[in-house]
Amino acid sequence: MITDKIQEIKETLEGTLLSEDINSNISKTERILSIAGGTYILLKGLRNIFSSPLIATGELVVGFGLLQRGVSGYCSIAEKYNEETDGPEPILVVTETSL
């Protein structure tokens, strides 16, 4: 019964939210964790908005950012990191040999 519900949620997420497109640059696991963490932080910020507005505003911004990252599947930081890890282009050096 519980496993059926989990399977139903998984199929719903894979069919709609986690469908990959040309702009996706993060994995499904990262997307799921971003959605879960973003939702938690966003709700925590909403709950604390009147007791500590400055901290709650930060939580709302971070939560929304994580939620957006998870739903869209795109992360500009990950894109920049992947560009830098490719390294420099190889250079072919040709020298003349004398006989």
PDB file of N, CA and C in Angstrom:
ATOM      1  N   MET A   1       0.821  -1.175   0.000  1.00  0.00           N
ATOM      2  CA  MET A   1       0.000   0.000   0.000  1.00  0.00           C
ATOM      3  C   MET A   1       0.877   1.255   0.000  1.00  0.00           C
ATOM      4  N   ILE A   2       1.847   1.346   0.894  1.00  0.00           N
ATOM      5  CA  ILE A   2       2.735   2.506   0.927  1.00  0.00           C
ATOM      6  C   ILE A   2       3.643   2.497  -0.293  1.00  0.00           C
ATOM      7  N   THR A   3       4.117   1.314  -0.683  1.00  0.00           N
ATOM      8  CA  THR A   3       4.988   1.243  -1.855  1.00  0.00           C
ATOM      9  C   THR A   3       4.242   1.630  -3.124  1.00  0.00           C
ATOM     10  N   ASP A   4       2.944   1.333  -3.185  1.00  0.00           N
ATOM     11  CA  ASP A   4       2.149   1.751  -4.337  1.00  0.00           C
ATOM     12  C   ASP A   4       2.061   3.273  -4.414  1.00  0.00           C
ATOM     13  N   LYS A   5       1.898   3.916  -3.266  1.00  0.00           N
ATOM     14  CA  LYS A   5       1.817   5.381  -3.218  1.00  0.00           C
ATOM     15  C   LYS A   5       3.156   6.008  -3.608  1.00  0.00           C
ATOM     16  N   ILE A   6       4.244   5.423  -3.125  1.00  0.00           N
ATOM     17  CA  ILE A   6       5.579   5.918  -3.481  1.00  0.00           C
ATOM     18  C   ILE A   6       5.816   5.760  -4.978  1.00  0.00           C
ATOM     19  N   GLN A   7       5.433   4.636  -5.524  1.00  0.00           N
ATOM     20  CA  GLN A   7       5.587   4.399  -6.966  1.00  0.00           C
ATOM     21  C   GLN A   7       4.752   5.390  -7.769  1.00  0.00           C
ATOM     22  N   GLU A   8       3.550   5.688  -7.300  1.00  0.00           N
ATOM     23  CA  GLU A   8       2.684   6.658  -7.979  1.00  0.00           C
ATOM     24  C   GLU A   8       3.304   8.055  -7.973  1.00  0.00           C
ATOM     25  N   ILE A   9       3.869   8.452  -6.837  1.00  0.00           N
ATOM     26  CA  ILE A   9       4.530   9.759  -6.740  1.00  0.00           C
ATOM     27  C   ILE A   9       5.754   9.799  -7.654  1.00  0.00           C
ATOM     28  N   LYS A  10       6.520   8.722  -7.681  1.00  0.00           N
ATOM     29  CA  LYS A  10       7.708   8.656  -8.530  1.00  0.00           C
ATOM     30  C   LYS A  10       7.334   8.787 -10.005  1.00  0.00           C
ATOM     31  N   GLU A  11       6.310   8.094 -10.428  1.00  0.00           N
ATOM     32  CA  GLU A  11       5.875   8.171 -11.828  1.00  0.00           C
ATOM     33  C   GLU A  11       5.358   9.561 -12.177  1.00  0.00           C
ATOM     34  N   THR A  12       4.664  10.202 -11.235  1.00  0.00           N
ATOM     35  CA  THR A  12       4.170  11.558 -11.473  1.00  0.00           C
ATOM     36  C   THR A  12       5.330  12.530 -11.634  1.00  0.00           C
ATOM     37  N   LEU A  13       6.333  12.428 -10.753  1.00  0.00           N
ATOM     38  CA  LEU A  13       7.491  13.318 -10.833  1.00  0.00           C
ATOM     39  C   LEU A  13       8.285  13.101 -12.114  1.00  0.00           C
ATOM     40  N   GLU A  14       8.509  11.840 -12.481  1.00  0.00           N
ATOM     41  CA  GLU A  14       9.278  11.564 -13.686  1.00  0.00           C
ATOM     42  C   GLU A  14       8.525  11.979 -14.947  1.00  0.00           C
ATOM     43  N   GLY A  15       7.205  11.892 -14.917  1.00  0.00           N
ATOM     44  CA  GLY A  15       6.421  12.240 -16.094  1.00  0.00           C
ATOM     45  C   GLY A  15       6.276  13.730 -16.314  1.00  0.00           C
ATOM     46  N   THR A  16       6.256  14.514 -15.237  1.00  0.00           N
ATOM     47  CA  THR A  16       6.005  15.944 -15.395  1.00  0.00           C
ATOM     48  C   THR A  16       7.173  16.792 -14.924  1.00  0.00           C
ATOM     49  N   LEU A  17       7.437  16.776 -13.643  1.00  0.00           N
ATOM     50  CA  LEU A  17       8.449  17.670 -13.078  1.00  0.00           C
ATOM     51  C   LEU A  17       9.867  17.323 -13.507  1.00  0.00           C
ATOM     52  N   LEU A  18      10.197  16.064 -13.567  1.00  0.00           N
ATOM     53  CA  LEU A  18      11.572  15.675 -13.803  1.00  0.00           C
ATOM     54  C   LEU A  18      11.870  15.314 -15.251  1.00  0.00           C
ATOM     55  N   SER A  19      11.009  15.703 -16.172  1.00  0.00           N
ATOM     56  CA  SER A  19      11.292  15.426 -17.575  1.00  0.00           C
ATOM     57  C   SER A  19      12.442  16.321 -18.021  1.00  0.00           C
ATOM     58  N   GLU A  20      13.415  15.716 -18.686  1.00  0.00           N
ATOM     59  CA  GLU A  20      14.600  16.461 -19.081  1.00  0.00           C
ATOM     60  C   GLU A  20      14.382  17.140 -20.425  1.00  0.00           C
ATOM     61  N   ASP A  21      14.994  18.313 -20.577  1.00  0.00           N
ATOM     62  CA  ASP A  21      14.958  19.010 -21.845  1.00  0.00           C
ATOM     63  C   ASP A  21      16.382  19.417 -22.212  1.00  0.00           C
ATOM     64  N   ILE A  22      16.512  20.222 -23.232  1.00  0.00           N
ATOM     65  CA  ILE A  22      17.836  20.590 -23.737  1.00  0.00           C
ATOM     66  C   ILE A  22      18.617  21.448 -22.747  1.00  0.00           C
ATOM     67  N   ASN A  23      17.944  22.166 -21.868  1.00  0.00           N
ATOM     68  CA  ASN A  23      18.621  23.049 -20.913  1.00  0.00           C
ATOM     69  C   ASN A  23      18.985  22.382 -19.602  1.00  0.00           C
ATOM     70  N   SER A  24      18.565  21.151 -19.378  1.00  0.00           N
ATOM     71  CA  SER A  24      18.856  20.469 -18.115  1.00  0.00           C
ATOM     72  C   SER A  24      20.346  20.166 -18.011  1.00  0.00           C
ATOM     73  N   ASN A  25      20.944  20.544 -16.897  1.00  0.00           N
ATOM     74  CA  ASN A  25      22.357  20.234 -16.691  1.00  0.00           C
ATOM     75  C   ASN A  25      22.631  19.641 -15.310  1.00  0.00           C
ATOM     76  N   ILE A  26      21.565  19.236 -14.600  1.00  0.00           N
ATOM     77  CA  ILE A  26      21.745  18.544 -13.323  1.00  0.00           C
ATOM     78  C   ILE A  26      20.965  17.235 -13.362  1.00  0.00           C
ATOM     79  N   SER A  27      21.395  16.289 -12.556  1.00  0.00           N
ATOM     80  CA  SER A  27      20.789  14.960 -12.576  1.00  0.00           C
ATOM     81  C   SER A  27      19.428  14.945 -11.875  1.00  0.00           C
ATOM     82  N   LYS A  28      18.719  13.851 -12.052  1.00  0.00           N
ATOM     83  CA  LYS A  28      17.402  13.713 -11.413  1.00  0.00           C
ATOM     84  C   LYS A  28      17.525  13.707  -9.896  1.00  0.00           C
ATOM     85  N   THR A  29      18.581  13.081  -9.386  1.00  0.00           N
ATOM     86  CA  THR A  29      18.782  13.049  -7.938  1.00  0.00           C
ATOM     87  C   THR A  29      18.972  14.457  -7.390  1.00  0.00           C
ATOM     88  N   GLU A  30      19.788  15.264  -8.071  1.00  0.00           N
ATOM     89  CA  GLU A  30      19.984  16.645  -7.639  1.00  0.00           C
ATOM     90  C   GLU A  30      18.685  17.433  -7.705  1.00  0.00           C
ATOM     91  N   ARG A  31      17.890  17.160  -8.736  1.00  0.00           N
ATOM     92  CA  ARG A  31      16.616  17.865  -8.877  1.00  0.00           C
ATOM     93  C   ARG A  31      15.674  17.512  -7.735  1.00  0.00           C
ATOM     94  N   ILE A  32      15.588  16.230  -7.399  1.00  0.00           N
ATOM     95  CA  ILE A  32      14.698  15.791  -6.315  1.00  0.00           C
ATOM     96  C   ILE A  32      15.146  16.402  -4.987  1.00  0.00           C
ATOM     97  N   LEU A  33      16.459  16.371  -4.726  1.00  0.00           N
ATOM     98  CA  LEU A  33      16.972  16.943  -3.477  1.00  0.00           C
ATOM     99  C   LEU A  33      16.759  18.456  -3.433  1.00  0.00           C
ATOM    100  N   SER A  34      16.909  19.130  -4.569  1.00  0.00           N
ATOM    101  CA  SER A  34      16.676  20.576  -4.611  1.00  0.00           C
ATOM    102  C   SER A  34      15.210  20.907  -4.353  1.00  0.00           C
ATOM    103  N   ILE A  35      14.317  20.126  -4.934  1.00  0.00           N
ATOM    104  CA  ILE A  35      12.881  20.355  -4.724  1.00  0.00           C
ATOM    105  C   ILE A  35      12.520  20.125  -3.258  1.00  0.00           C
ATOM    106  N   ALA A  36      13.020  19.022  -2.688  1.00  0.00           N
ATOM    107  CA  ALA A  36      12.701  18.713  -1.284  1.00  0.00           C
ATOM    108  C   ALA A  36      13.302  19.754  -0.335  1.00  0.00           C
ATOM    109  N   GLY A  37      14.571  20.061  -0.519  1.00  0.00           N
ATOM    110  CA  GLY A  37      15.221  21.037   0.349  1.00  0.00           C
ATOM    111  C   GLY A  37      14.644  22.431   0.179  1.00  0.00           C
ATOM    112  N   GLY A  38      14.379  22.824  -1.070  1.00  0.00           N
ATOM    113  CA  GLY A  38      13.800  24.138  -1.335  1.00  0.00           C
ATOM    114  C   GLY A  38      12.423  24.291  -0.733  1.00  0.00           C
ATOM    115  N   THR A  39      11.621  23.244  -0.836  1.00  0.00           N
ATOM    116  CA  THR A  39      10.279  23.287  -0.258  1.00  0.00           C
ATOM    117  C   THR A  39      10.354  23.423   1.259  1.00  0.00           C
ATOM    118  N   TYR A  40      11.243  22.648   1.874  1.00  0.00           N
ATOM    119  CA  TYR A  40      11.393  22.711   3.333  1.00  0.00           C
ATOM    120  C   TYR A  40      11.828  24.109   3.778  1.00  0.00           C
ATOM    121  N   ILE A  41      12.866  24.646   3.137  1.00  0.00           N
ATOM    122  CA  ILE A  41      13.388  25.957   3.540  1.00  0.00           C
ATOM    123  C   ILE A  41      12.373  27.061   3.263  1.00  0.00           C
ATOM    124  N   LEU A  42      11.664  26.964   2.134  1.00  0.00           N
ATOM    125  CA  LEU A  42      10.647  27.960   1.797  1.00  0.00           C
ATOM    126  C   LEU A  42       9.519  27.959   2.827  1.00  0.00           C
ATOM    127  N   LEU A  43       9.041  26.782   3.205  1.00  0.00           N
ATOM    128  CA  LEU A  43       7.975  26.697   4.204  1.00  0.00           C
ATOM    129  C   LEU A  43       8.453  27.171   5.579  1.00  0.00           C
ATOM    130  N   LYS A  44       9.714  26.871   5.905  1.00  0.00           N
ATOM    131  CA  LYS A  44      10.274  27.342   7.168  1.00  0.00           C
ATOM    132  C   LYS A  44      10.333  28.869   7.179  1.00  0.00           C
ATOM    133  N   GLY A  45      10.710  29.466   6.052  1.00  0.00           N
ATOM    134  CA  GLY A  45      10.743  30.921   5.953  1.00  0.00           C
ATOM    135  C   GLY A  45       9.362  31.537   6.082  1.00  0.00           C
ATOM    136  N   LEU A  46       8.368  30.893   5.478  1.00  0.00           N
ATOM    137  CA  LEU A  46       6.989  31.398   5.595  1.00  0.00           C
ATOM    138  C   LEU A  46       6.495  31.338   7.038  1.00  0.00           C
ATOM    139  N   ARG A  47       6.885  30.285   7.731  1.00  0.00           N
ATOM    140  CA  ARG A  47       6.450  30.128   9.112  1.00  0.00           C
ATOM    141  C   ARG A  47       7.089  31.164  10.035  1.00  0.00           C
ATOM    142  N   ASN A  48       8.331  31.574   9.724  1.00  0.00           N
ATOM    143  CA  ASN A  48       9.068  32.496  10.592  1.00  0.00           C
ATOM    144  C   ASN A  48       8.999  33.943  10.134  1.00  0.00           C
ATOM    145  N   ILE A  49       8.174  34.267   9.164  1.00  0.00           N
ATOM    146  CA  ILE A  49       8.178  35.602   8.566  1.00  0.00           C
ATOM    147  C   ILE A  49       7.873  36.708   9.582  1.00  0.00           C
ATOM    148  N   PHE A  50       7.028  36.452  10.566  1.00  0.00           N
ATOM    149  CA  PHE A  50       6.678  37.497  11.533  1.00  0.00           C
ATOM    150  C   PHE A  50       7.563  37.483  12.771  1.00  0.00           C
ATOM    151  N   SER A  51       8.109  36.330  13.148  1.00  0.00           N
ATOM    152  CA  SER A  51       8.945  36.272  14.342  1.00  0.00           C
ATOM    153  C   SER A  51      10.361  36.794  14.082  1.00  0.00           C
ATOM    154  N   SER A  52      10.933  36.484  12.931  1.00  0.00           N
ATOM    155  CA  SER A  52      12.261  37.017  12.575  1.00  0.00           C
ATOM    156  C   SER A  52      12.289  37.266  11.064  1.00  0.00           C
ATOM    157  N   PRO A  53      11.839  38.446  10.652  1.00  0.00           N
ATOM    158  CA  PRO A  53      11.663  38.732   9.230  1.00  0.00           C
ATOM    159  C   PRO A  53      12.957  38.715   8.414  1.00  0.00           C
ATOM    160  N   LEU A  54      14.072  39.112   8.984  1.00  0.00           N
ATOM    161  CA  LEU A  54      15.318  39.137   8.221  1.00  0.00           C
ATOM    162  C   LEU A  54      15.789  37.731   7.868  1.00  0.00           C
ATOM    163  N   ILE A  55      15.800  36.850   8.843  1.00  0.00           N
ATOM    164  CA  ILE A  55      16.195  35.456   8.602  1.00  0.00           C
ATOM    165  C   ILE A  55      15.182  34.779   7.683  1.00  0.00           C
ATOM    166  N   ALA A  56      13.903  35.048   7.898  1.00  0.00           N
ATOM    167  CA  ALA A  56      12.865  34.440   7.072  1.00  0.00           C
ATOM    168  C   ALA A  56      12.990  34.875   5.618  1.00  0.00           C
ATOM    169  N   THR A  57      13.372  36.126   5.381  1.00  0.00           N
ATOM    170  CA  THR A  57      13.563  36.598   4.012  1.00  0.00           C
ATOM    171  C   THR A  57      14.691  35.832   3.332  1.00  0.00           C
ATOM    172  N   GLY A  58      15.774  35.604   4.045  1.00  0.00           N
ATOM    173  CA  GLY A  58      16.877  34.801   3.513  1.00  0.00           C
ATOM    174  C   GLY A  58      16.442  33.384   3.200  1.00  0.00           C
ATOM    175  N   GLU A  59      15.652  32.806   4.102  1.00  0.00           N
ATOM    176  CA  GLU A  59      15.152  31.451   3.873  1.00  0.00           C
ATOM    177  C   GLU A  59      14.233  31.400   2.654  1.00  0.00           C
ATOM    178  N   LEU A  60      13.415  32.419   2.494  1.00  0.00           N
ATOM    179  CA  LEU A  60      12.523  32.457   1.332  1.00  0.00           C
ATOM    180  C   LEU A  60      13.312  32.537   0.032  1.00  0.00           C
ATOM    181  N   VAL A  61      14.349  33.350   0.020  1.00  0.00           N
ATOM    182  CA  VAL A  61      15.164  33.502  -1.200  1.00  0.00           C
ATOM    183  C   VAL A  61      15.894  32.198  -1.524  1.00  0.00           C
ATOM    184  N   VAL A  62      16.536  31.607  -0.518  1.00  0.00           N
ATOM    185  CA  VAL A  62      17.266  30.357  -0.740  1.00  0.00           C
ATOM    186  C   VAL A  62      16.307  29.229  -1.122  1.00  0.00           C
ATOM    187  N   GLY A  63      15.184  29.124  -0.434  1.00  0.00           N
ATOM    188  CA  GLY A  63      14.204  28.083  -0.736  1.00  0.00           C
ATOM    189  C   GLY A  63      13.653  28.210  -2.139  1.00  0.00           C
ATOM    190  N   PHE A  64      13.335  29.445  -2.539  1.00  0.00           N
ATOM    191  CA  PHE A  64      12.820  29.653  -3.887  1.00  0.00           C
ATOM    192  C   PHE A  64      13.878  29.311  -4.929  1.00  0.00           C
ATOM    193  N   GLY A  65      15.126  29.678  -4.668  1.00  0.00           N
ATOM    194  CA  GLY A  65      16.210  29.362  -5.601  1.00  0.00           C
ATOM    195  C   GLY A  65      16.399  27.869  -5.785  1.00  0.00           C
ATOM    196  N   LEU A  66      16.375  27.138  -4.680  1.00  0.00           N
ATOM    197  CA  LEU A  66      16.503  25.681  -4.767  1.00  0.00           C
ATOM    198  C   LEU A  66      15.300  25.050  -5.471  1.00  0.00           C
ATOM    199  N   LEU A  67      14.126  25.557  -5.173  1.00  0.00           N
ATOM    200  CA  LEU A  67      12.921  25.036  -5.817  1.00  0.00           C
ATOM    201  C   LEU A  67      12.955  25.288  -7.320  1.00  0.00           C
ATOM    202  N   GLN A  68      13.371  26.479  -7.710  1.00  0.00           N
ATOM    203  CA  GLN A  68      13.471  26.812  -9.130  1.00  0.00           C
ATOM    204  C   GLN A  68      14.520  25.935  -9.817  1.00  0.00           C
ATOM    205  N   ARG A  69      15.644  25.693  -9.151  1.00  0.00           N
ATOM    206  CA  ARG A  69      16.701  24.845  -9.699  1.00  0.00           C
ATOM    207  C   ARG A  69      16.196  23.424  -9.920  1.00  0.00           C
ATOM    208  N   GLY A  70      15.456  22.917  -8.940  1.00  0.00           N
ATOM    209  CA  GLY A  70      14.957  21.551  -9.054  1.00  0.00           C
ATOM    210  C   GLY A  70      13.889  21.393 -10.121  1.00  0.00           C
ATOM    211  N   VAL A  71      12.990  22.360 -10.225  1.00  0.00           N
ATOM    212  CA  VAL A  71      11.902  22.253 -11.208  1.00  0.00           C
ATOM    213  C   VAL A  71      12.427  22.455 -12.624  1.00  0.00           C
ATOM    214  N   SER A  72      13.328  23.430 -12.815  1.00  0.00           N
ATOM    215  CA  SER A  72      13.815  23.714 -14.161  1.00  0.00           C
ATOM    216  C   SER A  72      14.879  22.729 -14.620  1.00  0.00           C
ATOM    217  N   GLY A  73      15.651  22.186 -13.684  1.00  0.00           N
ATOM    218  CA  GLY A  73      16.728  21.276 -14.055  1.00  0.00           C
ATOM    219  C   GLY A  73      17.969  21.999 -14.534  1.00  0.00           C
ATOM    220  N   TYR A  74      18.002  23.317 -14.399  1.00  0.00           N
ATOM    221  CA  TYR A  74      19.133  24.119 -14.858  1.00  0.00           C
ATOM    222  C   TYR A  74      19.781  24.824 -13.683  1.00  0.00           C
ATOM    223  N   CYS A  75      21.102  24.808 -13.647  1.00  0.00           N
ATOM    224  CA  CYS A  75      21.850  25.499 -12.607  1.00  0.00           C
ATOM    225  C   CYS A  75      23.024  26.208 -13.263  1.00  0.00           C
ATOM    226  N   SER A  76      23.053  27.527 -13.184  1.00  0.00           N
ATOM    227  CA  SER A  76      24.125  28.292 -13.823  1.00  0.00           C
ATOM    228  C   SER A  76      25.473  28.023 -13.159  1.00  0.00           C
ATOM    229  N   ILE A  77      25.474  27.743 -11.867  1.00  0.00           N
ATOM    230  CA  ILE A  77      26.729  27.440 -11.172  1.00  0.00           C
ATOM    231  C   ILE A  77      27.291  26.114 -11.670  1.00  0.00           C
ATOM    232  N   ALA A  78      26.440  25.115 -11.834  1.00  0.00           N
ATOM    233  CA  ALA A  78      26.887  23.827 -12.353  1.00  0.00           C
ATOM    234  C   ALA A  78      27.402  23.965 -13.782  1.00  0.00           C
ATOM    235  N   GLU A  79      26.762  24.808 -14.567  1.00  0.00           N
ATOM    236  CA  GLU A  79      27.208  25.023 -15.944  1.00  0.00           C
ATOM    237  C   GLU A  79      28.597  25.658 -15.957  1.00  0.00           C
ATOM    238  N   LYS A  80      28.811  26.657 -15.129  1.00  0.00           N
ATOM    239  CA  LYS A  80      30.114  27.317 -15.051  1.00  0.00           C
ATOM    240  C   LYS A  80      31.171  26.343 -14.562  1.00  0.00           C
ATOM    241  N   TYR A  81      30.846  25.521 -13.574  1.00  0.00           N
ATOM    242  CA  TYR A  81      31.797  24.545 -13.046  1.00  0.00           C
ATOM    243  C   TYR A  81      32.168  23.533 -14.117  1.00  0.00           C
ATOM    244  N   ASN A  82      31.205  23.047 -14.889  1.00  0.00           N
ATOM    245  CA  ASN A  82      31.471  22.062 -15.941  1.00  0.00           C
ATOM    246  C   ASN A  82      32.328  22.656 -17.048  1.00  0.00           C
ATOM    247  N   GLU A  83      32.173  23.942 -17.336  1.00  0.00           N
ATOM    248  CA  GLU A  83      33.010  24.584 -18.345  1.00  0.00           C
ATOM    249  C   GLU A  83      34.458  24.655 -17.885  1.00  0.00           C
ATOM    250  N   GLU A  84      34.680  24.947 -16.617  1.00  0.00           N
ATOM    251  CA  GLU A  84      36.035  25.104 -16.102  1.00  0.00           C
ATOM    252  C   GLU A  84      36.756  23.778 -15.951  1.00  0.00           C
ATOM    253  N   THR A  85      36.057  22.678 -15.729  1.00  0.00           N
ATOM    254  CA  THR A  85      36.715  21.392 -15.532  1.00  0.00           C
ATOM    255  C   THR A  85      37.139  20.754 -16.842  1.00  0.00           C
ATOM    256  N   ASP A  86      36.684  21.277 -17.973  1.00  0.00           N
ATOM    257  CA  ASP A  86      37.088  20.715 -19.254  1.00  0.00           C
ATOM    258  C   ASP A  86      38.568  20.963 -19.523  1.00  0.00           C
ATOM    259  N   GLY A  87      39.121  22.020 -18.991  1.00  0.00           N
ATOM    260  CA  GLY A  87      40.531  22.333 -19.149  1.00  0.00           C
ATOM    261  C   GLY A  87      40.801  23.043 -20.460  1.00  0.00           C
ATOM    262  N   PRO A  88      42.056  23.379 -20.666  1.00  0.00           N
ATOM    263  CA  PRO A  88      42.403  24.098 -21.896  1.00  0.00           C
ATOM    264  C   PRO A  88      42.349  23.180 -23.109  1.00  0.00           C
ATOM    265  N   GLU A  89      42.230  23.792 -24.266  1.00  0.00           N
ATOM    266  CA  GLU A  89      42.230  23.012 -25.494  1.00  0.00           C
ATOM    267  C   GLU A  89      43.634  22.498 -25.754  1.00  0.00           C
ATOM    268  N   PRO A  90      43.760  21.274 -26.278  1.00  0.00           N
ATOM    269  CA  PRO A  90      45.091  20.745 -26.551  1.00  0.00           C
ATOM    270  C   PRO A  90      45.761  21.488 -27.708  1.00  0.00           C
ATOM    271  N   ILE A  91      47.068  21.623 -27.634  1.00  0.00           N
ATOM    272  CA  ILE A  91      47.833  22.314 -28.670  1.00  0.00           C
ATOM    273  C   ILE A  91      48.787  21.321 -29.310  1.00  0.00           C
ATOM    274  N   LEU A  92      48.841  21.286 -30.620  1.00  0.00           N
ATOM    275  CA  LEU A  92      49.728  20.426 -31.356  1.00  0.00           C
ATOM    276  C   LEU A  92      50.991  21.205 -31.698  1.00  0.00           C
ATOM    277  N   VAL A  93      52.126  20.727 -31.246  1.00  0.00           N
ATOM    278  CA  VAL A  93      53.395  21.397 -31.510  1.00  0.00           C
ATOM    279  C   VAL A  93      54.140  20.582 -32.558  1.00  0.00           C
ATOM    280  N   VAL A  94      54.500  21.256 -33.659  1.00  0.00           N
ATOM    281  CA  VAL A  94      55.238  20.598 -34.738  1.00  0.00           C
ATOM    282  C   VAL A  94      56.609  21.236 -34.819  1.00  0.00           C
ATOM    283  N   THR A  95      57.652  20.417 -34.784  1.00  0.00           N
ATOM    284  CA  THR A  95      59.010  20.921 -34.873  1.00  0.00           C
ATOM    285  C   THR A  95      59.678  20.343 -36.115  1.00  0.00           C
ATOM    286  N   GLU A  96      60.652  21.082 -36.677  1.00  0.00           N
ATOM    287  CA  GLU A  96      61.394  20.609 -37.823  1.00  0.00           C
ATOM    288  C   GLU A  96      62.623  19.890 -37.317  1.00  0.00           C
ATOM    289  N   THR A  97      62.934  18.806 -37.922  1.00  0.00           N
ATOM    290  CA  THR A  97      64.152  18.086 -37.558  1.00  0.00           C
ATOM    291  C   THR A  97      65.162  18.226 -38.682  1.00  0.00           C
ATOM    292  N   SER A  98      66.410  18.433 -38.338  1.00  0.00           N
ATOM    293  CA  SER A  98      67.437  18.576 -39.365  1.00  0.00           C
ATOM    294  C   SER A  98      68.208  17.280 -39.477  1.00  0.00           C
ATOM    295  N   LEU A  99      68.616  16.966 -40.715  1.00  0.00           N
ATOM    296  CA  LEU A  99      69.377  15.737 -40.941  1.00  0.00           C
ATOM    297  C   LEU A  99      70.823  15.960 -41.019  1.00  0.00           C
TER     298      LEU A  99
END
